[in-house]
PDB file of all heavy atoms in Angstrom:
ATOM      1  N   GLY A   1      36.001  94.589  49.861  1.00  0.00           N
ATOM      2  CA  GLY A   1      35.613  93.470  49.021  1.00  0.00           C
ATOM      3  C   GLY A   1      36.659  92.376  49.095  1.00  0.00           C
ATOM      4  O   GLY A   1      37.762  92.571  49.625  1.00  0.00           O
ATOM      5  N   ALA A   2      36.326  91.223  48.549  1.00  0.00           N
ATOM      6  CA  ALA A   2      37.250  90.091  48.607  1.00  0.00           C
ATOM      7  C   ALA A   2      38.470  90.309  47.717  1.00  0.00           C
ATOM      8  O   ALA A   2      39.550  89.775  47.994  1.00  0.00           O
ATOM      9  CB  ALA A   2      36.521  88.814  48.203  1.00  0.00           C
ATOM     10  N   ASP A   3      38.314  91.078  46.645  1.00  0.00           N
ATOM     11  CA  ASP A   3      39.418  91.342  45.717  1.00  0.00           C
ATOM     12  C   ASP A   3      39.856  92.788  45.887  1.00  0.00           C
ATOM     13  O   ASP A   3      39.080  93.715  45.650  1.00  0.00           O
ATOM     14  CB  ASP A   3      38.976  91.086  44.272  1.00  0.00           C
ATOM     15  CG  ASP A   3      38.518  89.660  44.078  1.00  0.00           C
ATOM     16  OD1 ASP A   3      39.358  88.752  44.178  1.00  0.00           O
ATOM     17  OD2 ASP A   3      37.306  89.456  43.839  1.00  0.00           O
ATOM     18  N   ARG A   4      41.110  92.981  46.279  1.00  0.00           N
ATOM     19  CA  ARG A   4      41.605  94.328  46.541  1.00  0.00           C
ATOM     20  C   ARG A   4      42.880  94.575  45.750  1.00  0.00           C
ATOM     21  O   ARG A   4      43.794  93.745  45.747  1.00  0.00           O
ATOM     22  CB  ARG A   4      41.859  94.517  48.043  1.00  0.00           C
ATOM     23  CG  ARG A   4      40.584  94.404  48.867  1.00  0.00           C
ATOM     24  CD  ARG A   4      40.835  94.625  50.345  1.00  0.00           C
ATOM     25  NE  ARG A   4      41.621  93.564  50.963  1.00  0.00           N
ATOM     26  CZ  ARG A   4      41.139  92.380  51.326  1.00  0.00           C
ATOM     27  NH1 ARG A   4      39.862  92.083  51.101  1.00  0.00           N
ATOM     28  NH2 ARG A   4      41.920  91.482  51.898  1.00  0.00           N
ATOM     29  N   ALA A   5      42.933  95.726  45.101  1.00  0.00           N
ATOM     30  CA  ALA A   5      44.075  96.054  44.258  1.00  0.00           C
ATOM     31  C   ALA A   5      45.268  96.536  45.061  1.00  0.00           C
ATOM     32  O   ALA A   5      46.405  96.476  44.579  1.00  0.00           O
ATOM     33  CB  ALA A   5      43.677  97.123  43.229  1.00  0.00           C
ATOM     34  N   PHE A   6      45.023  97.000  46.294  1.00  0.00           N
ATOM     35  CA  PHE A   6      46.099  97.588  47.086  1.00  0.00           C
ATOM     36  C   PHE A   6      45.941  97.144  48.531  1.00  0.00           C
ATOM     37  O   PHE A   6      44.829  97.119  49.071  1.00  0.00           O
ATOM     38  CB  PHE A   6      46.033  99.118  46.983  1.00  0.00           C
ATOM     39  CG  PHE A   6      47.067  99.844  47.791  1.00  0.00           C
ATOM     40  CD1 PHE A   6      48.412  99.744  47.462  1.00  0.00           C
ATOM     41  CD2 PHE A   6      46.710 100.615  48.878  1.00  0.00           C
ATOM     42  CE1 PHE A   6      49.380 100.414  48.208  1.00  0.00           C
ATOM     43  CE2 PHE A   6      47.657 101.294  49.628  1.00  0.00           C
ATOM     44  CZ  PHE A   6      48.997 101.184  49.289  1.00  0.00           C
ATOM     45  N   ASP A   7      47.060  96.797  49.167  1.00  0.00           N
ATOM     46  CA  ASP A   7      47.051  96.307  50.543  1.00  0.00           C
ATOM     47  C   ASP A   7      47.066  97.489  51.521  1.00  0.00           C
ATOM     48  O   ASP A   7      48.131  97.935  51.960  1.00  0.00           O
ATOM     49  CB  ASP A   7      48.267  95.398  50.773  1.00  0.00           C
ATOM     50  CG  ASP A   7      48.309  94.824  52.185  1.00  0.00           C
ATOM     51  OD1 ASP A   7      47.302  94.953  52.919  1.00  0.00           O
ATOM     52  OD2 ASP A   7      49.355  94.256  52.551  1.00  0.00           O
ATOM     53  N   ILE A   8      45.879  97.978  51.850  1.00  0.00           N
ATOM     54  CA  ILE A   8      45.760  99.123  52.750  1.00  0.00           C
ATOM     55  C   ILE A   8      46.246  98.756  54.146  1.00  0.00           C
ATOM     56  O   ILE A   8      46.961  99.535  54.801  1.00  0.00           O
ATOM     57  CB  ILE A   8      44.309  99.624  52.774  1.00  0.00           C
ATOM     58  CG1 ILE A   8      44.017 100.352  51.460  1.00  0.00           C
ATOM     59  CG2 ILE A   8      44.045 100.540  53.962  1.00  0.00           C
ATOM     60  CD1 ILE A   8      42.597 100.779  51.294  1.00  0.00           C
ATOM     61  N   ALA A   9      45.871  97.582  54.632  1.00  0.00           N
ATOM     62  CA  ALA A   9      46.292  97.163  55.970  1.00  0.00           C
ATOM     63  C   ALA A   9      47.811  97.106  56.075  1.00  0.00           C
ATOM     64  O   ALA A   9      48.405  97.558  57.063  1.00  0.00           O
ATOM     65  CB  ALA A   9      45.677  95.813  56.314  1.00  0.00           C
ATOM     66  N   GLY A  10      48.447  96.560  55.057  1.00  0.00           N
ATOM     67  CA  GLY A  10      49.902  96.472  55.064  1.00  0.00           C
ATOM     68  C   GLY A  10      50.565  97.838  55.022  1.00  0.00           C
ATOM     69  O   GLY A  10      51.566  98.089  55.703  1.00  0.00           O
ATOM     70  N   ALA A  11      49.990  98.739  54.207  1.00  0.00           N
ATOM     71  CA  ALA A  11      50.556 100.084  54.097  1.00  0.00           C
ATOM     72  C   ALA A  11      50.410 100.849  55.404  1.00  0.00           C
ATOM     73  O   ALA A  11      51.336 101.555  55.835  1.00  0.00           O
ATOM     74  CB  ALA A  11      49.873 100.839  52.959  1.00  0.00           C
ATOM     75  N   LEU A  12      49.275 100.711  56.071  1.00  0.00           N
ATOM     76  CA  LEU A  12      49.064 101.413  57.336  1.00  0.00           C
ATOM     77  C   LEU A  12      49.893 100.812  58.468  1.00  0.00           C
ATOM     78  O   LEU A  12      50.254 101.508  59.422  1.00  0.00           O
ATOM     79  CB  LEU A  12      47.577 101.400  57.691  1.00  0.00           C
ATOM     80  CG  LEU A  12      46.712 102.380  56.888  1.00  0.00           C
ATOM     81  CD1 LEU A  12      45.234 102.098  57.105  1.00  0.00           C
ATOM     82  CD2 LEU A  12      47.045 103.824  57.264  1.00  0.00           C
ATOM     83  N   ALA A  13      50.190  99.523  58.356  1.00  0.00           N
ATOM     84  CA  ALA A  13      51.012  98.876  59.393  1.00  0.00           C
ATOM     85  C   ALA A  13      52.399  99.500  59.472  1.00  0.00           C
ATOM     86  O   ALA A  13      53.026  99.497  60.536  1.00  0.00           O
ATOM     87  CB  ALA A  13      51.119  97.381  59.110  1.00  0.00           C
ATOM     88  N   ARG A  14      52.871 100.060  58.373  1.00  0.00           N
ATOM     89  CA  ARG A  14      54.185 100.700  58.388  1.00  0.00           C
ATOM     90  C   ARG A  14      54.197 101.945  59.268  1.00  0.00           C
ATOM     91  O   ARG A  14      55.255 102.417  59.669  1.00  0.00           O
ATOM     92  CB  ARG A  14      54.605 101.040  56.956  1.00  0.00           C
ATOM     93  CG  ARG A  14      54.910  99.808  56.104  1.00  0.00           C
ATOM     94  CD  ARG A  14      55.682 100.165  54.861  1.00  0.00           C
ATOM     95  NE  ARG A  14      54.861 100.861  53.883  1.00  0.00           N
ATOM     96  CZ  ARG A  14      54.151 100.258  52.946  1.00  0.00           C
ATOM     97  NH1 ARG A  14      54.151  98.939  52.865  1.00  0.00           N
ATOM     98  NH2 ARG A  14      53.449 100.960  52.091  1.00  0.00           N
ATOM     99  N   TYR A  15      52.997 102.464  59.531  1.00  0.00           N
ATOM    100  CA  TYR A  15      52.869 103.607  60.447  1.00  0.00           C
ATOM    101  C   TYR A  15      52.392 103.155  61.830  1.00  0.00           C
ATOM    102  O   TYR A  15      51.939 103.963  62.627  1.00  0.00           O
ATOM    103  CB  TYR A  15      51.886 104.627  59.879  1.00  0.00           C
ATOM    104  CG  TYR A  15      52.299 105.194  58.541  1.00  0.00           C
ATOM    105  CD1 TYR A  15      51.731 104.709  57.364  1.00  0.00           C
ATOM    106  CD2 TYR A  15      53.253 106.200  58.450  1.00  0.00           C
ATOM    107  CE1 TYR A  15      52.096 105.233  56.126  1.00  0.00           C
ATOM    108  CE2 TYR A  15      53.631 106.732  57.222  1.00  0.00           C
ATOM    109  CZ  TYR A  15      53.041 106.239  56.062  1.00  0.00           C
ATOM    110  OH  TYR A  15      53.410 106.756  54.843  1.00  0.00           O
ATOM    111  N   GLU A  16      52.460 101.867  62.082  1.00  0.00           N
ATOM    112  CA  GLU A  16      52.075 101.251  63.353  1.00  0.00           C
ATOM    113  C   GLU A  16      50.570 101.297  63.615  1.00  0.00           C
ATOM    114  O   GLU A  16      50.131 101.192  64.758  1.00  0.00           O
ATOM    115  CB  GLU A  16      52.849 101.888  64.521  1.00  0.00           C
ATOM    116  CG  GLU A  16      54.362 101.720  64.390  1.00  0.00           C
ATOM    117  CD  GLU A  16      55.108 102.269  65.599  1.00  0.00           C
ATOM    118  OE1 GLU A  16      54.454 102.797  66.515  1.00  0.00           O
ATOM    119  OE2 GLU A  16      56.347 102.160  65.614  1.00  0.00           O
ATOM    120  N   HIS A  17      49.778 101.425  62.559  1.00  0.00           N
ATOM    121  CA  HIS A  17      48.328 101.331  62.697  1.00  0.00           C
ATOM    122  C   HIS A  17      47.903  99.868  62.529  1.00  0.00           C
ATOM    123  O   HIS A  17      48.523  99.106  61.781  1.00  0.00           O
ATOM    124  CB  HIS A  17      47.617 102.165  61.629  1.00  0.00           C
ATOM    125  CG  HIS A  17      47.903 103.632  61.711  1.00  0.00           C
ATOM    126  ND1 HIS A  17      47.651 104.383  62.827  1.00  0.00           N
ATOM    127  CD2 HIS A  17      48.421 104.491  60.793  1.00  0.00           C
ATOM    128  CE1 HIS A  17      47.990 105.643  62.609  1.00  0.00           C
ATOM    129  NE2 HIS A  17      48.473 105.739  61.377  1.00  0.00           N
ATOM    130  N   GLU A  18      46.826  99.506  63.192  1.00  0.00           N
ATOM    131  CA  GLU A  18      46.222  98.185  63.010  1.00  0.00           C
ATOM    132  C   GLU A  18      44.955  98.351  62.179  1.00  0.00           C
ATOM    133  O   GLU A  18      44.105  99.182  62.493  1.00  0.00           O
ATOM    134  CB  GLU A  18      45.865  97.551  64.361  1.00  0.00           C
ATOM    135  CG  GLU A  18      45.189  96.187  64.212  1.00  0.00           C
ATOM    136  CD  GLU A  18      44.689  95.629  65.534  1.00  0.00           C
ATOM    137  OE1 GLU A  18      44.884  96.301  66.572  1.00  0.00           O
ATOM    138  OE2 GLU A  18      44.082  94.542  65.515  1.00  0.00           O
ATOM    139  N   THR A  19      44.833  97.557  61.133  1.00  0.00           N
ATOM    140  CA  THR A  19      43.649  97.611  60.272  1.00  0.00           C
ATOM    141  C   THR A  19      42.998  96.241  60.229  1.00  0.00           C
ATOM    142  O   THR A  19      43.621  95.261  59.797  1.00  0.00           O
ATOM    143  CB  THR A  19      44.011  98.050  58.847  1.00  0.00           C
ATOM    144  OG1 THR A  19      44.700  99.306  58.898  1.00  0.00           O
ATOM    145  CG2 THR A  19      42.749  98.202  58.000  1.00  0.00           C
ATOM    146  N   VAL A  20      41.766  96.168  60.687  1.00  0.00           N
ATOM    147  CA  VAL A  20      40.990  94.927  60.658  1.00  0.00           C
ATOM    148  C   VAL A  20      40.133  94.960  59.393  1.00  0.00           C
ATOM    149  O   VAL A  20      39.316  95.865  59.206  1.00  0.00           O
ATOM    150  CB  VAL A  20      40.106  94.799  61.908  1.00  0.00           C
ATOM    151  CG1 VAL A  20      39.300  93.504  61.845  1.00  0.00           C
ATOM    152  CG2 VAL A  20      40.971  94.849  63.161  1.00  0.00           C
ATOM    153  N   VAL A  21      40.338  93.981  58.522  1.00  0.00           N
ATOM    154  CA  VAL A  21      39.623  93.934  57.251  1.00  0.00           C
ATOM    155  C   VAL A  21      38.427  92.995  57.368  1.00  0.00           C
ATOM    156  O   VAL A  21      38.574  91.849  57.812  1.00  0.00           O
ATOM    157  CB  VAL A  21      40.542  93.458  56.111  1.00  0.00           C
ATOM    158  CG1 VAL A  21      39.778  93.391  54.794  1.00  0.00           C
ATOM    159  CG2 VAL A  21      41.760  94.384  55.984  1.00  0.00           C
ATOM    160  N   VAL A  22      37.237  93.473  56.982  1.00  0.00           N
ATOM    161  CA  VAL A  22      36.068  92.607  56.892  1.00  0.00           C
ATOM    162  C   VAL A  22      35.603  92.605  55.440  1.00  0.00           C
ATOM    163  O   VAL A  22      35.317  93.655  54.852  1.00  0.00           O
ATOM    164  CB  VAL A  22      34.936  93.055  57.846  1.00  0.00           C
ATOM    165  CG1 VAL A  22      34.533  94.501  57.617  1.00  0.00           C
ATOM    166  CG2 VAL A  22      33.715  92.141  57.681  1.00  0.00           C
ATOM    167  N   GLU A  23      35.601  91.429  54.835  1.00  0.00           N
ATOM    168  CA  GLU A  23      35.186  91.289  53.439  1.00  0.00           C
ATOM    169  C   GLU A  23      33.671  91.135  53.387  1.00  0.00           C
ATOM    170  O   GLU A  23      33.114  90.137  53.865  1.00  0.00           O
ATOM    171  CB  GLU A  23      35.884  90.093  52.801  1.00  0.00           C
ATOM    172  CG  GLU A  23      37.397  90.274  52.720  1.00  0.00           C
ATOM    173  CD  GLU A  23      38.106  89.092  52.082  1.00  0.00           C
ATOM    174  OE1 GLU A  23      37.441  88.050  51.853  1.00  0.00           O
ATOM    175  OE2 GLU A  23      39.319  89.210  51.812  1.00  0.00           O
ATOM    176  N   LEU A  24      33.000  92.118  52.820  1.00  0.00           N
ATOM    177  CA  LEU A  24      31.543  92.178  52.825  1.00  0.00           C
ATOM    178  C   LEU A  24      30.917  91.804  51.488  1.00  0.00           C
ATOM    179  O   LEU A  24      29.716  91.561  51.417  1.00  0.00           O
ATOM    180  CB  LEU A  24      31.087  93.582  53.230  1.00  0.00           C
ATOM    181  CG  LEU A  24      31.504  94.023  54.639  1.00  0.00           C
ATOM    182  CD1 LEU A  24      31.202  95.498  54.836  1.00  0.00           C
ATOM    183  CD2 LEU A  24      30.792  93.180  55.682  1.00  0.00           C
ATOM    184  N   TYR A  25      31.728  91.766  50.426  1.00  0.00           N
ATOM    185  CA  TYR A  25      31.179  91.422  49.117  1.00  0.00           C
ATOM    186  C   TYR A  25      32.274  90.848  48.231  1.00  0.00           C
ATOM    187  O   TYR A  25      33.472  90.984  48.510  1.00  0.00           O
ATOM    188  CB  TYR A  25      30.550  92.649  48.437  1.00  0.00           C
ATOM    189  CG  TYR A  25      31.560  93.689  48.013  1.00  0.00           C
ATOM    190  CD1 TYR A  25      32.075  93.712  46.724  1.00  0.00           C
ATOM    191  CD2 TYR A  25      32.006  94.666  48.905  1.00  0.00           C
ATOM    192  CE1 TYR A  25      33.004  94.658  46.331  1.00  0.00           C
ATOM    193  CE2 TYR A  25      32.935  95.613  48.531  1.00  0.00           C
ATOM    194  CZ  TYR A  25      33.420  95.606  47.234  1.00  0.00           C
ATOM    195  OH  TYR A  25      34.347  96.539  46.863  1.00  0.00           O
ATOM    196  N   ARG A  26      31.831  90.187  47.179  1.00  0.00           N
ATOM    197  CA  ARG A  26      32.748  89.635  46.187  1.00  0.00           C
ATOM    198  C   ARG A  26      32.235  90.024  44.801  1.00  0.00           C
ATOM    199  O   ARG A  26      31.029  89.968  44.543  1.00  0.00           O
ATOM    200  CB  ARG A  26      32.814  88.123  46.312  1.00  0.00           C
ATOM    201  CG  ARG A  26      33.649  87.446  45.230  1.00  0.00           C
ATOM    202  CD  ARG A  26      33.463  85.945  45.210  1.00  0.00           C
ATOM    203  NE  ARG A  26      33.956  85.311  46.438  1.00  0.00           N
ATOM    204  CZ  ARG A  26      33.209  84.696  47.322  1.00  0.00           C
ATOM    205  NH1 ARG A  26      31.883  84.632  47.130  1.00  0.00           N
ATOM    206  NH2 ARG A  26      33.731  84.151  48.389  1.00  0.00           N
ATOM    207  N   ALA A  27      33.146  90.411  43.939  1.00  0.00           N
ATOM    208  CA  ALA A  27      32.793  90.676  42.546  1.00  0.00           C
ATOM    209  C   ALA A  27      33.112  89.425  41.733  1.00  0.00           C
ATOM    210  O   ALA A  27      34.275  89.034  41.604  1.00  0.00           O
ATOM    211  CB  ALA A  27      33.568  91.864  42.014  1.00  0.00           C
ATOM    212  N   THR A  28      32.073  88.776  41.215  1.00  0.00           N
ATOM    213  CA  THR A  28      32.229  87.524  40.475  1.00  0.00           C
ATOM    214  C   THR A  28      32.237  87.807  38.977  1.00  0.00           C
ATOM    215  O   THR A  28      31.355  88.501  38.462  1.00  0.00           O
ATOM    216  CB  THR A  28      31.089  86.555  40.809  1.00  0.00           C
ATOM    217  OG1 THR A  28      31.090  86.304  42.218  1.00  0.00           O
ATOM    218  CG2 THR A  28      31.256  85.241  40.068  1.00  0.00           C
ATOM    219  N   ALA A  29      33.230  87.281  38.286  1.00  0.00           N
ATOM    220  CA  ALA A  29      33.367  87.524  36.853  1.00  0.00           C
ATOM    221  C   ALA A  29      32.396  86.681  36.048  1.00  0.00           C
ATOM    222  O   ALA A  29      32.120  85.521  36.377  1.00  0.00           O
ATOM    223  CB  ALA A  29      34.800  87.227  36.410  1.00  0.00           C
ATOM    224  N   ALA A  30      31.881  87.269  34.973  1.00  0.00           N
ATOM    225  CA  ALA A  30      31.021  86.537  34.047  1.00  0.00           C
ATOM    226  C   ALA A  30      31.820  85.435  33.359  1.00  0.00           C
ATOM    227  O   ALA A  30      33.043  85.525  33.216  1.00  0.00           O
ATOM    228  CB  ALA A  30      30.440  87.492  33.006  1.00  0.00           C
ATOM    229  N   THR A  31      31.131  84.404  32.924  1.00  0.00           N
ATOM    230  CA  THR A  31      31.804  83.294  32.251  1.00  0.00           C
ATOM    231  C   THR A  31      31.765  83.428  30.730  1.00  0.00           C
ATOM    232  O   THR A  31      32.453  82.690  30.019  1.00  0.00           O
ATOM    233  CB  THR A  31      31.159  81.954  32.650  1.00  0.00           C
ATOM    234  OG1 THR A  31      29.755  81.999  32.350  1.00  0.00           O
ATOM    235  CG2 THR A  31      31.341  81.699  34.142  1.00  0.00           C
ATOM    236  N   GLU A  32      30.964  84.352  30.237  1.00  0.00           N
ATOM    237  CA  GLU A  32      30.936  84.617  28.801  1.00  0.00           C
ATOM    238  C   GLU A  32      30.594  86.085  28.572  1.00  0.00           C
ATOM    239  O   GLU A  32      30.046  86.756  29.455  1.00  0.00           O
ATOM    240  CB  GLU A  32      29.932  83.721  28.078  1.00  0.00           C
ATOM    241  CG  GLU A  32      28.506  83.872  28.524  1.00  0.00           C
ATOM    242  CD  GLU A  32      27.574  82.898  27.819  1.00  0.00           C
ATOM    243  OE1 GLU A  32      28.049  81.892  27.273  1.00  0.00           O
ATOM    244  OE2 GLU A  32      26.366  83.162  27.811  1.00  0.00           O
ATOM    245  N   LEU A  33      30.933  86.592  27.424  1.00  0.00           N
ATOM    246  CA  LEU A  33      30.696  87.990  27.099  1.00  0.00           C
ATOM    247  C   LEU A  33      29.194  88.277  27.132  1.00  0.00           C
ATOM    248  O   LEU A  33      28.409  87.536  26.527  1.00  0.00           O
ATOM    249  CB  LEU A  33      31.250  88.296  25.707  1.00  0.00           C
ATOM    250  CG  LEU A  33      31.291  89.767  25.290  1.00  0.00           C
ATOM    251  CD1 LEU A  33      32.290  90.538  26.139  1.00  0.00           C
ATOM    252  CD2 LEU A  33      31.634  89.870  23.810  1.00  0.00           C
ATOM    253  N   PRO A  34      28.760  89.309  27.855  1.00  0.00           N
ATOM    254  CA  PRO A  34      27.333  89.633  27.872  1.00  0.00           C
ATOM    255  C   PRO A  34      26.782  89.821  26.462  1.00  0.00           C
ATOM    256  O   PRO A  34      27.462  90.355  25.581  1.00  0.00           O
ATOM    257  CB  PRO A  34      27.291  90.947  28.667  1.00  0.00           C
ATOM    258  CG  PRO A  34      28.486  90.887  29.557  1.00  0.00           C
ATOM    259  CD  PRO A  34      29.544  90.196  28.738  1.00  0.00           C
ATOM    260  N   GLU A  35      25.551  89.380  26.257  1.00  0.00           N
ATOM    261  CA  GLU A  35      24.951  89.426  24.922  1.00  0.00           C
ATOM    262  C   GLU A  35      24.933  90.840  24.360  1.00  0.00           C
ATOM    263  O   GLU A  35      25.186  91.054  23.171  1.00  0.00           O
ATOM    264  CB  GLU A  35      23.531  88.864  24.978  1.00  0.00           C
ATOM    265  CG  GLU A  35      22.849  88.814  23.621  1.00  0.00           C
ATOM    266  CD  GLU A  35      21.447  88.228  23.694  1.00  0.00           C
ATOM    267  OE1 GLU A  35      20.974  87.986  24.826  1.00  0.00           O
ATOM    268  OE2 GLU A  35      20.837  88.013  22.634  1.00  0.00           O
ATOM    269  N   ALA A  36      24.647  91.819  25.218  1.00  0.00           N
ATOM    270  CA  ALA A  36      24.584  93.199  24.734  1.00  0.00           C
ATOM    271  C   ALA A  36      25.917  93.644  24.162  1.00  0.00           C
ATOM    272  O   ALA A  36      25.976  94.357  23.145  1.00  0.00           O
ATOM    273  CB  ALA A  36      24.154  94.127  25.868  1.00  0.00           C
ATOM    274  N   ALA A  37      27.006  93.235  24.807  1.00  0.00           N
ATOM    275  CA  ALA A  37      28.330  93.591  24.309  1.00  0.00           C
ATOM    276  C   ALA A  37      28.633  92.866  23.003  1.00  0.00           C
ATOM    277  O   ALA A  37      29.173  93.461  22.059  1.00  0.00           O
ATOM    278  CB  ALA A  37      29.392  93.261  25.351  1.00  0.00           C
ATOM    279  N   ALA A  38      28.307  91.583  22.941  1.00  0.00           N
ATOM    280  CA  ALA A  38      28.574  90.807  21.724  1.00  0.00           C
ATOM    281  C   ALA A  38      27.842  91.392  20.522  1.00  0.00           C
ATOM    282  O   ALA A  38      28.417  91.536  19.434  1.00  0.00           O
ATOM    283  CB  ALA A  38      28.172  89.349  21.943  1.00  0.00           C
TER     284      ALA A  38
END
């Protein structure tokens, strides 16, 4: 996804692996609290 909590490519690079990242989706935040929650 477009938002990642941990840099997998960077971590694997320390072991000399190459990681090609393809971002296939994005999680978009709501602009207001959902009515059901409110």
